[in-house]
Structure formats: C-alpha cells, structure tokens
Amino acid sequence: MTEQSDRKLIATGIVGTVFAALCCFTPVLVVLLGAVGLSAWLGWLDYVLLPALAFFVALTVYAVWRRQRRQTTRTDG
C-alpha cells in the first residue's frame, strides 16, 4: 500500500468519526429525520450510530498506526 492510500484511510476515518460523533451528541439527525417525516427511525439511531462511531475511531487509529509503522521501517531500513 502507498502513502496516498494511508492518507485516504485516515481521511475516511476522521470524516466518519466526525459525522458519527456529530449525529450522536447533537440533535442534528433528530431534526433532519423529523423534518423529513422519518421520526420513527429515531429509536434505532443508537443501534447504528454508536457502533459506527466505534468503527470509525478504530479505523482512524489503525490508519495512523500503519502510517507510523511505515515511517519507522522506512527510516530504519
């Protein structure tokens, strides 16, 4: 894998984490779903958003770890 794919992986993780955290901790999604008429889905949000938040945080940590490992092996070898 290249450094460019590491950057894409980090960017995907950060954007996903920010989006999931924004929807978990603020009423943004509640207002949007209520305005569209999909307020019945609000009961299922916790089952989707909290695992999504955990997944994107783990993806970001993995991408940063992989990038650090690549940089240390490049300088050592």
C-alpha atoms as a PDB file:
ATOM      1  CA  MET A   1       0.000   0.000   0.000  1.00  0.00           C
ATOM      2  CA  THR A   2       1.159   3.502  -0.664  1.00  0.00           C
ATOM      3  CA  GLU A   3       1.274   6.646   1.388  1.00  0.00           C
ATOM      4  CA  GLN A   4      -1.630   8.026  -0.627  1.00  0.00           C
ATOM      5  CA  SER A   5      -3.849   5.123   0.426  1.00  0.00           C
ATOM      6  CA  ASP A   6      -2.815   5.757   4.051  1.00  0.00           C
ATOM      7  CA  ARG A   7      -3.958   9.350   3.702  1.00  0.00           C
ATOM      8  CA  LYS A   8      -7.287   8.257   2.214  1.00  0.00           C
ATOM      9  CA  LEU A   9      -7.796   5.773   5.025  1.00  0.00           C
ATOM     10  CA  ILE A  10      -7.038   8.417   7.659  1.00  0.00           C
ATOM     11  CA  ALA A  11      -9.315  10.936   5.951  1.00  0.00           C
ATOM     12  CA  THR A  12     -12.151   8.400   5.736  1.00  0.00           C
ATOM     13  CA  GLY A  13     -11.741   7.550   9.390  1.00  0.00           C
ATOM     14  CA  ILE A  14     -11.701  11.167  10.520  1.00  0.00           C
ATOM     15  CA  VAL A  15     -14.679  12.218   8.389  1.00  0.00           C
ATOM     16  CA  GLY A  16     -16.685   9.197   9.521  1.00  0.00           C
ATOM     17  CA  THR A  17     -15.783   9.796  13.156  1.00  0.00           C
ATOM     18  CA  VAL A  18     -16.776  13.460  12.994  1.00  0.00           C
ATOM     19  CA  PHE A  19     -20.048  12.657  11.233  1.00  0.00           C
ATOM     20  CA  ALA A  20     -20.995   9.866  13.663  1.00  0.00           C
ATOM     21  CA  ALA A  21     -19.993  11.953  16.690  1.00  0.00           C
ATOM     22  CA  LEU A  22     -21.955  14.929  15.384  1.00  0.00           C
ATOM     23  CA  CYS A  23     -25.051  12.795  14.954  1.00  0.00           C
ATOM     24  CA  CYS A  24     -24.593  11.047  18.315  1.00  0.00           C
ATOM     25  CA  PHE A  25     -24.001  14.078  20.507  1.00  0.00           C
ATOM     26  CA  THR A  26     -26.099  16.745  18.833  1.00  0.00           C
ATOM     27  CA  PRO A  27     -29.711  16.744  17.681  1.00  0.00           C
ATOM     28  CA  VAL A  28     -28.744  17.254  14.029  1.00  0.00           C
ATOM     29  CA  LEU A  29     -30.051  13.903  12.847  1.00  0.00           C
ATOM     30  CA  VAL A  30     -33.141  14.140  15.051  1.00  0.00           C
ATOM     31  CA  VAL A  31     -34.120  17.447  13.478  1.00  0.00           C
ATOM     32  CA  LEU A  32     -33.377  16.245   9.937  1.00  0.00           C
ATOM     33  CA  LEU A  33     -35.309  12.990  10.278  1.00  0.00           C
ATOM     34  CA  GLY A  34     -38.199  14.783  11.987  1.00  0.00           C
ATOM     35  CA  ALA A  35     -38.378  17.366   9.218  1.00  0.00           C
ATOM     36  CA  VAL A  36     -38.462  14.701   6.518  1.00  0.00           C
ATOM     37  CA  GLY A  37     -41.069  12.633   8.335  1.00  0.00           C
ATOM     38  CA  LEU A  38     -38.842   9.720   9.276  1.00  0.00           C
ATOM     39  CA  SER A  39     -39.048  10.247  13.006  1.00  0.00           C
ATOM     40  CA  ALA A  40     -39.976   6.571  13.510  1.00  0.00           C
ATOM     41  CA  TRP A  41     -36.322   5.713  12.800  1.00  0.00           C
ATOM     42  CA  LEU A  42     -35.135   7.728  15.790  1.00  0.00           C
ATOM     43  CA  GLY A  43     -35.474   4.742  18.110  1.00  0.00           C
ATOM     44  CA  TRP A  44     -32.928   2.790  16.049  1.00  0.00           C
ATOM     45  CA  LEU A  45     -30.279   5.502  15.893  1.00  0.00           C
ATOM     46  CA  ASP A  46     -28.358   4.315  18.946  1.00  0.00           C
ATOM     47  CA  TYR A  47     -28.050   0.830  17.485  1.00  0.00           C
ATOM     48  CA  VAL A  48     -26.442   2.230  14.344  1.00  0.00           C
ATOM     49  CA  LEU A  49     -24.550   5.365  15.343  1.00  0.00           C
ATOM     50  CA  LEU A  50     -22.637   4.088  18.367  1.00  0.00           C
ATOM     51  CA  PRO A  51     -21.155   1.065  16.521  1.00  0.00           C
ATOM     52  CA  ALA A  52     -20.420   3.330  13.549  1.00  0.00           C
ATOM     53  CA  LEU A  53     -18.598   5.736  15.863  1.00  0.00           C
ATOM     54  CA  ALA A  54     -16.557   2.881  17.331  1.00  0.00           C
ATOM     55  CA  PHE A  55     -15.760   1.545  13.854  1.00  0.00           C
ATOM     56  CA  PHE A  56     -14.552   4.885  12.508  1.00  0.00           C
ATOM     57  CA  VAL A  57     -12.467   5.606  15.614  1.00  0.00           C
ATOM     58  CA  ALA A  58     -10.857   2.165  15.247  1.00  0.00           C
ATOM     59  CA  LEU A  59     -10.274   2.799  11.530  1.00  0.00           C
ATOM     60  CA  THR A  60      -8.545   6.098  12.289  1.00  0.00           C
ATOM     61  CA  VAL A  61      -6.355   4.523  14.970  1.00  0.00           C
ATOM     62  CA  TYR A  62      -5.421   1.669  12.623  1.00  0.00           C
ATOM     63  CA  ALA A  63      -4.565   4.037   9.770  1.00  0.00           C
ATOM     64  CA  VAL A  64      -2.377   6.228  11.992  1.00  0.00           C
ATOM     65  CA  TRP A  65      -0.668   3.143  13.426  1.00  0.00           C
ATOM     66  CA  ARG A  66       0.002   1.766   9.931  1.00  0.00           C
ATOM     67  CA  ARG A  67       1.377   5.100   8.773  1.00  0.00           C
ATOM     68  CA  GLN A  68       3.673   5.344  11.824  1.00  0.00           C
ATOM     69  CA  ARG A  69       4.884   1.785  11.263  1.00  0.00           C
ATOM     70  CA  ARG A  70       5.604   2.517   7.599  1.00  0.00           C
ATOM     71  CA  GLN A  71       7.592   5.648   8.502  1.00  0.00           C
ATOM     72  CA  THR A  72       9.669   3.877  11.160  1.00  0.00           C
ATOM     73  CA  THR A  73      10.507   0.972   8.861  1.00  0.00           C
ATOM     74  CA  ARG A  74      11.462   3.413   6.121  1.00  0.00           C
ATOM     75  CA  THR A  75      13.915   5.248   8.394  1.00  0.00           C
ATOM     76  CA  ASP A  76      15.289   2.044   9.984  1.00  0.00           C
ATOM     77  CA  GLY A  77      15.830   0.068   6.800  1.00  0.00           C
END
